[in-house]
Amino acid sequence: MDQIIFQFQNIALTPWKLVGFLGTFLFTARWFVQLHATRKLGRVHMPPLFWWLSISGSSLLLAYFIFGKPDAVGVISNSFPILISVYNMLIENRYQRSQS
């Protein structure tokens, strides 16, 4: 997956870079989801979509830093958010089941 899809001057776009960009986009988008939910409710709120975007974005970034551009700092910095987000989703699911 190291073939170049597009190149402009010294910037080359590869499939792994697309994975990294998509991961970054998803990980960043979670804050817009949280901002919208907070403004809508008038209080701080982390909707489940926030955690799903965090898991998805971190997973794609983790794949990028393991396979696309091996980097231990990237692996470590994206492993922790996945663990926390999965934990928060488990807690949320447990709470939702107790309410029904």
PDB file of N, CA and C in Angstrom:
ATOM      1  N   MET A   1       0.816  -1.204   0.000  1.00  0.00           N
ATOM      2  CA  MET A   1       0.000   0.000   0.000  1.00  0.00           C
ATOM      3  C   MET A   1       0.857   1.264   0.000  1.00  0.00           C
ATOM      4  N   ASP A   2       2.068   1.129  -0.474  1.00  0.00           N
ATOM      5  CA  ASP A   2       2.946   2.286  -0.525  1.00  0.00           C
ATOM      6  C   ASP A   2       2.940   2.979  -1.876  1.00  0.00           C
ATOM      7  N   GLN A   3       2.119   2.475  -2.811  1.00  0.00           N
ATOM      8  CA  GLN A   3       2.090   3.118  -4.124  1.00  0.00           C
ATOM      9  C   GLN A   3       1.503   4.521  -3.998  1.00  0.00           C
ATOM     10  N   ILE A   4       1.993   5.401  -4.834  1.00  0.00           N
ATOM     11  CA  ILE A   4       1.562   6.794  -4.805  1.00  0.00           C
ATOM     12  C   ILE A   4       0.292   6.939  -5.632  1.00  0.00           C
ATOM     13  N   ILE A   5      -0.737   7.480  -5.003  1.00  0.00           N
ATOM     14  CA  ILE A   5      -2.009   7.715  -5.672  1.00  0.00           C
ATOM     15  C   ILE A   5      -1.980   9.063  -6.382  1.00  0.00           C
ATOM     16  N   PHE A   6      -1.401  10.037  -5.717  1.00  0.00           N
ATOM     17  CA  PHE A   6      -1.377  11.410  -6.230  1.00  0.00           C
ATOM     18  C   PHE A   6      -0.124  12.080  -5.696  1.00  0.00           C
ATOM     19  N   GLN A   7       0.504  12.883  -6.518  1.00  0.00           N
ATOM     20  CA  GLN A   7       1.684  13.606  -6.060  1.00  0.00           C
ATOM     21  C   GLN A   7       1.629  15.033  -6.579  1.00  0.00           C
ATOM     22  N   PHE A   8       1.868  15.962  -5.678  1.00  0.00           N
ATOM     23  CA  PHE A   8       1.918  17.378  -6.026  1.00  0.00           C
ATOM     24  C   PHE A   8       3.177  17.949  -5.409  1.00  0.00           C
ATOM     25  N   GLN A   9       4.096  18.369  -6.232  1.00  0.00           N
ATOM     26  CA  GLN A   9       5.411  18.840  -5.815  1.00  0.00           C
ATOM     27  C   GLN A   9       6.074  17.766  -4.951  1.00  0.00           C
ATOM     28  N   ASN A  10       6.343  18.023  -3.688  1.00  0.00           N
ATOM     29  CA  ASN A  10       7.009  17.025  -2.840  1.00  0.00           C
ATOM     30  C   ASN A  10       6.055  16.289  -1.910  1.00  0.00           C
ATOM     31  N   ILE A  11       4.760  16.432  -2.143  1.00  0.00           N
ATOM     32  CA  ILE A  11       3.763  15.785  -1.296  1.00  0.00           C
ATOM     33  C   ILE A  11       3.179  14.602  -2.046  1.00  0.00           C
ATOM     34  N   ALA A  12       3.361  13.409  -1.499  1.00  0.00           N
ATOM     35  CA  ALA A  12       2.854  12.187  -2.129  1.00  0.00           C
ATOM     36  C   ALA A  12       1.718  11.620  -1.282  1.00  0.00           C
ATOM     37  N   LEU A  13       0.639  11.269  -1.936  1.00  0.00           N
ATOM     38  CA  LEU A  13      -0.514  10.682  -1.259  1.00  0.00           C
ATOM     39  C   LEU A  13      -0.530   9.183  -1.526  1.00  0.00           C
ATOM     40  N   THR A  14      -0.454   8.392  -0.454  1.00  0.00           N
ATOM     41  CA  THR A  14      -0.485   6.934  -0.549  1.00  0.00           C
ATOM     42  C   THR A  14      -1.746   6.423   0.142  1.00  0.00           C
ATOM     43  N   PRO A  15      -2.117   5.167  -0.081  1.00  0.00           N
ATOM     44  CA  PRO A  15      -3.282   4.618   0.632  1.00  0.00           C
ATOM     45  C   PRO A  15      -3.140   4.712   2.153  1.00  0.00           C
ATOM     46  N   TRP A  16      -1.938   4.504   2.679  1.00  0.00           N
ATOM     47  CA  TRP A  16      -1.767   4.613   4.132  1.00  0.00           C
ATOM     48  C   TRP A  16      -1.962   6.039   4.621  1.00  0.00           C
ATOM     49  N   LYS A  17      -1.554   7.010   3.819  1.00  0.00           N
ATOM     50  CA  LYS A  17      -1.804   8.399   4.211  1.00  0.00           C
ATOM     51  C   LYS A  17      -3.294   8.694   4.209  1.00  0.00           C
ATOM     52  N   LEU A  18      -4.035   8.109   3.267  1.00  0.00           N
ATOM     53  CA  LEU A  18      -5.491   8.272   3.284  1.00  0.00           C
ATOM     54  C   LEU A  18      -6.082   7.702   4.567  1.00  0.00           C
ATOM     55  N   VAL A  19      -5.573   6.545   4.993  1.00  0.00           N
ATOM     56  CA  VAL A  19      -6.028   5.951   6.263  1.00  0.00           C
ATOM     57  C   VAL A  19      -5.716   6.905   7.410  1.00  0.00           C
ATOM     58  N   GLY A  20      -4.514   7.459   7.426  1.00  0.00           N
ATOM     59  CA  GLY A  20      -4.130   8.402   8.475  1.00  0.00           C
ATOM     60  C   GLY A  20      -4.977   9.669   8.469  1.00  0.00           C
ATOM     61  N   PHE A  21      -5.241  10.205   7.273  1.00  0.00           N
ATOM     62  CA  PHE A  21      -6.082  11.401   7.178  1.00  0.00           C
ATOM     63  C   PHE A  21      -7.514  11.123   7.632  1.00  0.00           C
ATOM     64  N   LEU A  22      -8.061   9.969   7.229  1.00  0.00           N
ATOM     65  CA  LEU A  22      -9.415   9.608   7.653  1.00  0.00           C
ATOM     66  C   LEU A  22      -9.477   9.444   9.168  1.00  0.00           C
ATOM     67  N   GLY A  23      -8.466   8.790   9.751  1.00  0.00           N
ATOM     68  CA  GLY A  23      -8.409   8.647  11.208  1.00  0.00           C
ATOM     69  C   GLY A  23      -8.362   9.990  11.906  1.00  0.00           C
ATOM     70  N   THR A  24      -7.551  10.897  11.383  1.00  0.00           N
ATOM     71  CA  THR A  24      -7.452  12.241  11.959  1.00  0.00           C
ATOM     72  C   THR A  24      -8.781  12.970  11.853  1.00  0.00           C
ATOM     73  N   PHE A  25      -9.434  12.851  10.688  1.00  0.00           N
ATOM     74  CA  PHE A  25     -10.732  13.497  10.490  1.00  0.00           C
ATOM     75  C   PHE A  25     -11.765  12.964  11.494  1.00  0.00           C
ATOM     76  N   LEU A  26     -11.847  11.643  11.652  1.00  0.00           N
ATOM     77  CA  LEU A  26     -12.818  11.058  12.580  1.00  0.00           C
ATOM     78  C   LEU A  26     -12.512  11.443  14.024  1.00  0.00           C
ATOM     79  N   PHE A  27     -11.229  11.401  14.383  1.00  0.00           N
ATOM     80  CA  PHE A  27     -10.845  11.733  15.755  1.00  0.00           C
ATOM     81  C   PHE A  27     -11.148  13.198  16.058  1.00  0.00           C
ATOM     82  N   THR A  28     -10.990  14.077  15.075  1.00  0.00           N
ATOM     83  CA  THR A  28     -11.294  15.493  15.252  1.00  0.00           C
ATOM     84  C   THR A  28     -12.797  15.736  15.236  1.00  0.00           C
ATOM     85  N   ALA A  29     -13.520  15.011  14.394  1.00  0.00           N
ATOM     86  CA  ALA A  29     -14.967  15.209  14.260  1.00  0.00           C
ATOM     87  C   ALA A  29     -15.708  14.957  15.566  1.00  0.00           C
ATOM     88  N   ARG A  30     -15.135  14.129  16.434  1.00  0.00           N
ATOM     89  CA  ARG A  30     -15.819  13.830  17.698  1.00  0.00           C
ATOM     90  C   ARG A  30     -16.045  15.088  18.531  1.00  0.00           C
ATOM     91  N   TRP A  31     -15.136  16.060  18.406  1.00  0.00           N
ATOM     92  CA  TRP A  31     -15.301  17.289  19.180  1.00  0.00           C
ATOM     93  C   TRP A  31     -16.449  18.146  18.648  1.00  0.00           C
ATOM     94  N   PHE A  32     -16.705  18.089  17.356  1.00  0.00           N
ATOM     95  CA  PHE A  32     -17.847  18.808  16.798  1.00  0.00           C
ATOM     96  C   PHE A  32     -19.161  18.152  17.235  1.00  0.00           C
ATOM     97  N   VAL A  33     -19.149  16.825  17.328  1.00  0.00           N
ATOM     98  CA  VAL A  33     -20.328  16.098  17.841  1.00  0.00           C
ATOM     99  C   VAL A  33     -20.586  16.493  19.286  1.00  0.00           C
ATOM    100  N   GLN A  34     -19.529  16.535  20.086  1.00  0.00           N
ATOM    101  CA  GLN A  34     -19.664  16.895  21.497  1.00  0.00           C
ATOM    102  C   GLN A  34     -20.120  18.339  21.643  1.00  0.00           C
ATOM    103  N   LEU A  35     -19.582  19.234  20.849  1.00  0.00           N
ATOM    104  CA  LEU A  35     -19.978  20.640  20.892  1.00  0.00           C
ATOM    105  C   LEU A  35     -21.462  20.790  20.548  1.00  0.00           C
ATOM    106  N   HIS A  36     -21.905  20.104  19.509  1.00  0.00           N
ATOM    107  CA  HIS A  36     -23.316  20.171  19.106  1.00  0.00           C
ATOM    108  C   HIS A  36     -24.227  19.635  20.221  1.00  0.00           C
ATOM    109  N   ALA A  37     -23.864  18.501  20.808  1.00  0.00           N
ATOM    110  CA  ALA A  37     -24.683  17.915  21.877  1.00  0.00           C
ATOM    111  C   ALA A  37     -24.731  18.834  23.094  1.00  0.00           C
ATOM    112  N   THR A  38     -23.617  19.446  23.433  1.00  0.00           N
ATOM    113  CA  THR A  38     -23.565  20.347  24.581  1.00  0.00           C
ATOM    114  C   THR A  38     -24.414  21.590  24.334  1.00  0.00           C
ATOM    115  N   ARG A  39     -24.318  22.151  23.155  1.00  0.00           N
ATOM    116  CA  ARG A  39     -25.121  23.342  22.837  1.00  0.00           C
ATOM    117  C   ARG A  39     -26.608  23.001  22.819  1.00  0.00           C
ATOM    118  N   LYS A  40     -26.946  21.844  22.311  1.00  0.00           N
ATOM    119  CA  LYS A  40     -28.350  21.430  22.213  1.00  0.00           C
ATOM    120  C   LYS A  40     -28.966  21.221  23.604  1.00  0.00           C
ATOM    121  N   LEU A  41     -28.195  20.594  24.513  1.00  0.00           N
ATOM    122  CA  LEU A  41     -28.710  20.309  25.852  1.00  0.00           C
ATOM    123  C   LEU A  41     -28.470  21.443  26.848  1.00  0.00           C
ATOM    124  N   GLY A  42     -27.562  22.350  26.534  1.00  0.00           N
ATOM    125  CA  GLY A  42     -27.253  23.439  27.455  1.00  0.00           C
ATOM    126  C   GLY A  42     -26.405  22.992  28.633  1.00  0.00           C
ATOM    127  N   ARG A  43     -25.786  21.831  28.498  1.00  0.00           N
ATOM    128  CA  ARG A  43     -24.868  21.307  29.527  1.00  0.00           C
ATOM    129  C   ARG A  43     -23.859  20.410  28.837  1.00  0.00           C
ATOM    130  N   VAL A  44     -22.748  20.150  29.493  1.00  0.00           N
ATOM    131  CA  VAL A  44     -21.717  19.302  28.895  1.00  0.00           C
ATOM    132  C   VAL A  44     -22.258  17.883  28.763  1.00  0.00           C
ATOM    133  N   HIS A  45     -22.118  17.335  27.565  1.00  0.00           N
ATOM    134  CA  HIS A  45     -22.632  15.991  27.292  1.00  0.00           C
ATOM    135  C   HIS A  45     -21.734  15.301  26.272  1.00  0.00           C
ATOM    136  N   MET A  46     -21.404  14.050  26.545  1.00  0.00           N
ATOM    137  CA  MET A  46     -20.618  13.231  25.617  1.00  0.00           C
ATOM    138  C   MET A  46     -21.530  12.142  25.071  1.00  0.00           C
ATOM    139  N   PRO A  47     -22.092  12.334  23.886  1.00  0.00           N
ATOM    140  CA  PRO A  47     -22.984  11.328  23.320  1.00  0.00           C
ATOM    141  C   PRO A  47     -22.197  10.083  22.878  1.00  0.00           C
ATOM    142  N   PRO A  48     -22.869   8.952  22.743  1.00  0.00           N
ATOM    143  CA  PRO A  48     -22.175   7.728  22.305  1.00  0.00           C
ATOM    144  C   PRO A  48     -21.418   7.903  20.987  1.00  0.00           C
ATOM    145  N   LEU A  49     -21.931   8.740  20.078  1.00  0.00           N
ATOM    146  CA  LEU A  49     -21.228   8.956  18.817  1.00  0.00           C
ATOM    147  C   LEU A  49     -19.827   9.520  19.054  1.00  0.00           C
ATOM    148  N   PHE A  50     -19.665  10.318  20.096  1.00  0.00           N
ATOM    149  CA  PHE A  50     -18.342  10.842  20.451  1.00  0.00           C
ATOM    150  C   PHE A  50     -17.374   9.691  20.663  1.00  0.00           C
ATOM    151  N   TRP A  51     -17.809   8.678  21.427  1.00  0.00           N
ATOM    152  CA  TRP A  51     -16.936   7.544  21.737  1.00  0.00           C
ATOM    153  C   TRP A  51     -16.706   6.669  20.513  1.00  0.00           C
ATOM    154  N   TRP A  52     -17.738   6.496  19.668  1.00  0.00           N
ATOM    155  CA  TRP A  52     -17.569   5.703  18.449  1.00  0.00           C
ATOM    156  C   TRP A  52     -16.585   6.375  17.494  1.00  0.00           C
ATOM    157  N   LEU A  53     -16.661   7.693  17.363  1.00  0.00           N
ATOM    158  CA  LEU A  53     -15.707   8.410  16.520  1.00  0.00           C
ATOM    159  C   LEU A  53     -14.298   8.313  17.088  1.00  0.00           C
ATOM    160  N   SER A  54     -14.194   8.348  18.409  1.00  0.00           N
ATOM    161  CA  SER A  54     -12.899   8.216  19.054  1.00  0.00           C
ATOM    162  C   SER A  54     -12.297   6.833  18.787  1.00  0.00           C
ATOM    163  N   ILE A  55     -13.101   5.795  18.932  1.00  0.00           N
ATOM    164  CA  ILE A  55     -12.624   4.432  18.683  1.00  0.00           C
ATOM    165  C   ILE A  55     -12.232   4.266  17.219  1.00  0.00           C
ATOM    166  N   SER A  56     -13.080   4.733  16.312  1.00  0.00           N
ATOM    167  CA  SER A  56     -12.811   4.594  14.873  1.00  0.00           C
ATOM    168  C   SER A  56     -11.562   5.373  14.459  1.00  0.00           C
ATOM    169  N   GLY A  57     -11.505   6.634  14.869  1.00  0.00           N
ATOM    170  CA  GLY A  57     -10.352   7.459  14.512  1.00  0.00           C
ATOM    171  C   GLY A  57      -9.057   6.924  15.090  1.00  0.00           C
ATOM    172  N   SER A  58      -9.075   6.553  16.350  1.00  0.00           N
ATOM    173  CA  SER A  58      -7.866   6.013  16.991  1.00  0.00           C
ATOM    174  C   SER A  58      -7.442   4.702  16.351  1.00  0.00           C
ATOM    175  N   SER A  59      -8.409   3.868  15.979  1.00  0.00           N
ATOM    176  CA  SER A  59      -8.081   2.583  15.345  1.00  0.00           C
ATOM    177  C   SER A  59      -7.401   2.795  13.997  1.00  0.00           C
ATOM    178  N   LEU A  60      -7.944   3.720  13.202  1.00  0.00           N
ATOM    179  CA  LEU A  60      -7.328   4.004  11.904  1.00  0.00           C
ATOM    180  C   LEU A  60      -5.936   4.619  12.077  1.00  0.00           C
ATOM    181  N   LEU A  61      -5.804   5.523  13.034  1.00  0.00           N
ATOM    182  CA  LEU A  61      -4.493   6.118  13.281  1.00  0.00           C
ATOM    183  C   LEU A  61      -3.508   5.087  13.816  1.00  0.00           C
ATOM    184  N   LEU A  62      -3.986   4.182  14.652  1.00  0.00           N
ATOM    185  CA  LEU A  62      -3.128   3.119  15.158  1.00  0.00           C
ATOM    186  C   LEU A  62      -2.639   2.242  14.001  1.00  0.00           C
ATOM    187  N   ALA A  63      -3.549   1.877  13.090  1.00  0.00           N
ATOM    188  CA  ALA A  63      -3.150   1.087  11.912  1.00  0.00           C
ATOM    189  C   ALA A  63      -2.116   1.850  11.082  1.00  0.00           C
ATOM    190  N   TYR A  64      -2.349   3.147  10.901  1.00  0.00           N
ATOM    191  CA  TYR A  64      -1.400   3.969  10.140  1.00  0.00           C
ATOM    192  C   TYR A  64      -0.026   3.964  10.792  1.00  0.00           C
ATOM    193  N   PHE A  65       0.026   4.137  12.112  1.00  0.00           N
ATOM    194  CA  PHE A  65       1.316   4.214  12.792  1.00  0.00           C
ATOM    195  C   PHE A  65       1.973   2.848  13.001  1.00  0.00           C
ATOM    196  N   ILE A  66       1.228   1.772  12.839  1.00  0.00           N
ATOM    197  CA  ILE A  66       1.834   0.437  12.907  1.00  0.00           C
ATOM    198  C   ILE A  66       2.320   0.001  11.528  1.00  0.00           C
ATOM    199  N   PHE A  67       1.458   0.145  10.510  1.00  0.00           N
ATOM    200  CA  PHE A  67       1.763  -0.402   9.189  1.00  0.00           C
ATOM    201  C   PHE A  67       2.187   0.640   8.159  1.00  0.00           C
ATOM    202  N   GLY A  68       1.571   1.807   8.185  1.00  0.00           N
ATOM    203  CA  GLY A  68       1.833   2.809   7.153  1.00  0.00           C
ATOM    204  C   GLY A  68       3.114   3.581   7.371  1.00  0.00           C
ATOM    205  N   LYS A  69       3.296   4.047   8.571  1.00  0.00           N
ATOM    206  CA  LYS A  69       4.486   4.813   8.932  1.00  0.00           C
ATOM    207  C   LYS A  69       4.871   4.390  10.340  1.00  0.00           C
ATOM    208  N   PRO A  70       5.593   3.296  10.462  1.00  0.00           N
ATOM    209  CA  PRO A  70       5.927   2.783  11.797  1.00  0.00           C
ATOM    210  C   PRO A  70       6.515   3.875  12.702  1.00  0.00           C
ATOM    211  N   ASP A  71       5.808   4.112  13.803  1.00  0.00           N
ATOM    212  CA  ASP A  71       6.224   5.162  14.729  1.00  0.00           C
ATOM    213  C   ASP A  71       5.698   4.808  16.115  1.00  0.00           C
ATOM    214  N   ALA A  72       6.608   4.517  17.031  1.00  0.00           N
ATOM    215  CA  ALA A  72       6.223   4.099  18.381  1.00  0.00           C
ATOM    216  C   ALA A  72       5.445   5.181  19.114  1.00  0.00           C
ATOM    217  N   VAL A  73       5.773   6.441  18.899  1.00  0.00           N
ATOM    218  CA  VAL A  73       5.058   7.535  19.567  1.00  0.00           C
ATOM    219  C   VAL A  73       3.603   7.558  19.107  1.00  0.00           C
ATOM    220  N   GLY A  74       3.383   7.402  17.815  1.00  0.00           N
ATOM    221  CA  GLY A  74       2.022   7.362  17.283  1.00  0.00           C
ATOM    222  C   GLY A  74       1.235   6.177  17.800  1.00  0.00           C
ATOM    223  N   VAL A  75       1.895   5.021  17.919  1.00  0.00           N
ATOM    224  CA  VAL A  75       1.227   3.826  18.436  1.00  0.00           C
ATOM    225  C   VAL A  75       0.801   4.049  19.882  1.00  0.00           C
ATOM    226  N   ILE A  76       1.712   4.544  20.698  1.00  0.00           N
ATOM    227  CA  ILE A  76       1.398   4.767  22.114  1.00  0.00           C
ATOM    228  C   ILE A  76       0.320   5.838  22.272  1.00  0.00           C
ATOM    229  N   SER A  77       0.423   6.931  21.518  1.00  0.00           N
ATOM    230  CA  SER A  77      -0.533   8.027  21.694  1.00  0.00           C
ATOM    231  C   SER A  77      -1.926   7.689  21.188  1.00  0.00           C
ATOM    232  N   ASN A  78      -2.077   6.648  20.367  1.00  0.00           N
ATOM    233  CA  ASN A  78      -3.399   6.262  19.884  1.00  0.00           C
ATOM    234  C   ASN A  78      -3.932   5.006  20.543  1.00  0.00           C
ATOM    235  N   SER A  79      -3.121   4.315  21.299  1.00  0.00           N
ATOM    236  CA  SER A  79      -3.590   3.125  22.031  1.00  0.00           C
ATOM    237  C   SER A  79      -4.428   3.524  23.238  1.00  0.00           C
ATOM    238  N   PHE A  80      -3.991   4.523  23.970  1.00  0.00           N
ATOM    239  CA  PHE A  80      -4.688   4.937  25.178  1.00  0.00           C
ATOM    240  C   PHE A  80      -6.112   5.414  24.914  1.00  0.00           C
ATOM    241  N   PRO A  81      -6.343   6.302  23.928  1.00  0.00           N
ATOM    242  CA  PRO A  81      -7.726   6.731  23.674  1.00  0.00           C
ATOM    243  C   PRO A  81      -8.667   5.585  23.308  1.00  0.00           C
ATOM    244  N   ILE A  82      -8.161   4.559  22.608  1.00  0.00           N
ATOM    245  CA  ILE A  82      -9.016   3.417  22.274  1.00  0.00           C
ATOM    246  C   ILE A  82      -9.474   2.727  23.550  1.00  0.00           C
ATOM    247  N   LEU A  83      -8.551   2.484  24.459  1.00  0.00           N
ATOM    248  CA  LEU A  83      -8.900   1.797  25.709  1.00  0.00           C
ATOM    249  C   LEU A  83      -9.925   2.586  26.516  1.00  0.00           C
ATOM    250  N   ILE A  84      -9.719   3.879  26.649  1.00  0.00           N
ATOM    251  CA  ILE A  84     -10.637   4.724  27.411  1.00  0.00           C
ATOM    252  C   ILE A  84     -12.001   4.790  26.735  1.00  0.00           C
ATOM    253  N   SER A  85     -12.013   4.916  25.422  1.00  0.00           N
ATOM    254  CA  SER A  85     -13.284   5.006  24.694  1.00  0.00           C
ATOM    255  C   SER A  85     -14.074   3.705  24.774  1.00  0.00           C
ATOM    256  N   VAL A  86     -13.397   2.582  24.647  1.00  0.00           N
ATOM    257  CA  VAL A  86     -14.087   1.286  24.782  1.00  0.00           C
ATOM    258  C   VAL A  86     -14.646   1.145  26.195  1.00  0.00           C
ATOM    259  N   TYR A  87     -13.855   1.514  27.186  1.00  0.00           N
ATOM    260  CA  TYR A  87     -14.331   1.455  28.573  1.00  0.00           C
ATOM    261  C   TYR A  87     -15.583   2.327  28.754  1.00  0.00           C
ATOM    262  N   ASN A  88     -15.547   3.554  28.238  1.00  0.00           N
ATOM    263  CA  ASN A  88     -16.703   4.442  28.371  1.00  0.00           C
ATOM    264  C   ASN A  88     -17.931   3.906  27.642  1.00  0.00           C
ATOM    265  N   MET A  89     -17.734   3.253  26.503  1.00  0.00           N
ATOM    266  CA  MET A  89     -18.866   2.651  25.790  1.00  0.00           C
ATOM    267  C   MET A  89     -19.448   1.491  26.597  1.00  0.00           C
ATOM    268  N   LEU A  90     -18.604   0.708  27.248  1.00  0.00           N
ATOM    269  CA  LEU A  90     -19.096  -0.381  28.101  1.00  0.00           C
ATOM    270  C   LEU A  90     -19.920   0.164  29.266  1.00  0.00           C
ATOM    271  N   ILE A  91     -19.432   1.225  29.891  1.00  0.00           N
ATOM    272  CA  ILE A  91     -20.161   1.854  30.997  1.00  0.00           C
ATOM    273  C   ILE A  91     -21.496   2.409  30.503  1.00  0.00           C
ATOM    274  N   GLU A  92     -21.494   3.059  29.343  1.00  0.00           N
ATOM    275  CA  GLU A  92     -22.726   3.620  28.777  1.00  0.00           C
ATOM    276  C   GLU A  92     -23.729   2.511  28.459  1.00  0.00           C
ATOM    277  N   ASN A  93     -23.260   1.425  27.856  1.00  0.00           N
ATOM    278  CA  ASN A  93     -24.159   0.309  27.546  1.00  0.00           C
ATOM    279  C   ASN A  93     -24.743  -0.310  28.816  1.00  0.00           C
ATOM    280  N   ARG A  94     -23.924  -0.442  29.832  1.00  0.00           N
ATOM    281  CA  ARG A  94     -24.400  -0.978  31.112  1.00  0.00           C
ATOM    282  C   ARG A  94     -25.471  -0.060  31.706  1.00  0.00           C
ATOM    283  N   TYR A  95     -25.233   1.257  31.625  1.00  0.00           N
ATOM    284  CA  TYR A  95     -26.206   2.219  32.157  1.00  0.00           C
ATOM    285  C   TYR A  95     -27.517   2.145  31.368  1.00  0.00           C
ATOM    286  N   GLN A  96     -27.419   2.089  30.039  1.00  0.00           N
ATOM    287  CA  GLN A  96     -28.624   2.025  29.202  1.00  0.00           C
ATOM    288  C   GLN A  96     -29.441   0.763  29.503  1.00  0.00           C
ATOM    289  N   ARG A  97     -28.768  -0.358  29.709  1.00  0.00           N
ATOM    290  CA  ARG A  97     -29.490  -1.593  30.040  1.00  0.00           C
ATOM    291  C   ARG A  97     -30.180  -1.497  31.403  1.00  0.00           C
ATOM    292  N   SER A  98     -29.551  -0.805  32.340  1.00  0.00           N
ATOM    293  CA  SER A  98     -30.156  -0.681  33.670  1.00  0.00           C
ATOM    294  C   SER A  98     -31.374   0.240  33.655  1.00  0.00           C
ATOM    295  N   GLN A  99     -31.455   1.128  32.674  1.00  0.00           N
ATOM    296  CA  GLN A  99     -32.573   2.063  32.569  1.00  0.00           C
ATOM    297  C   GLN A  99     -33.779   1.450  31.880  1.00  0.00           C
ATOM    298  N   SER A 100     -33.600   0.334  31.190  1.00  0.00           N
ATOM    299  CA  SER A 100     -34.735  -0.265  30.475  1.00  0.00           C
ATOM    300  C   SER A 100     -35.360  -1.406  31.224  1.00  0.00           C
TER     301      SER A 100
END
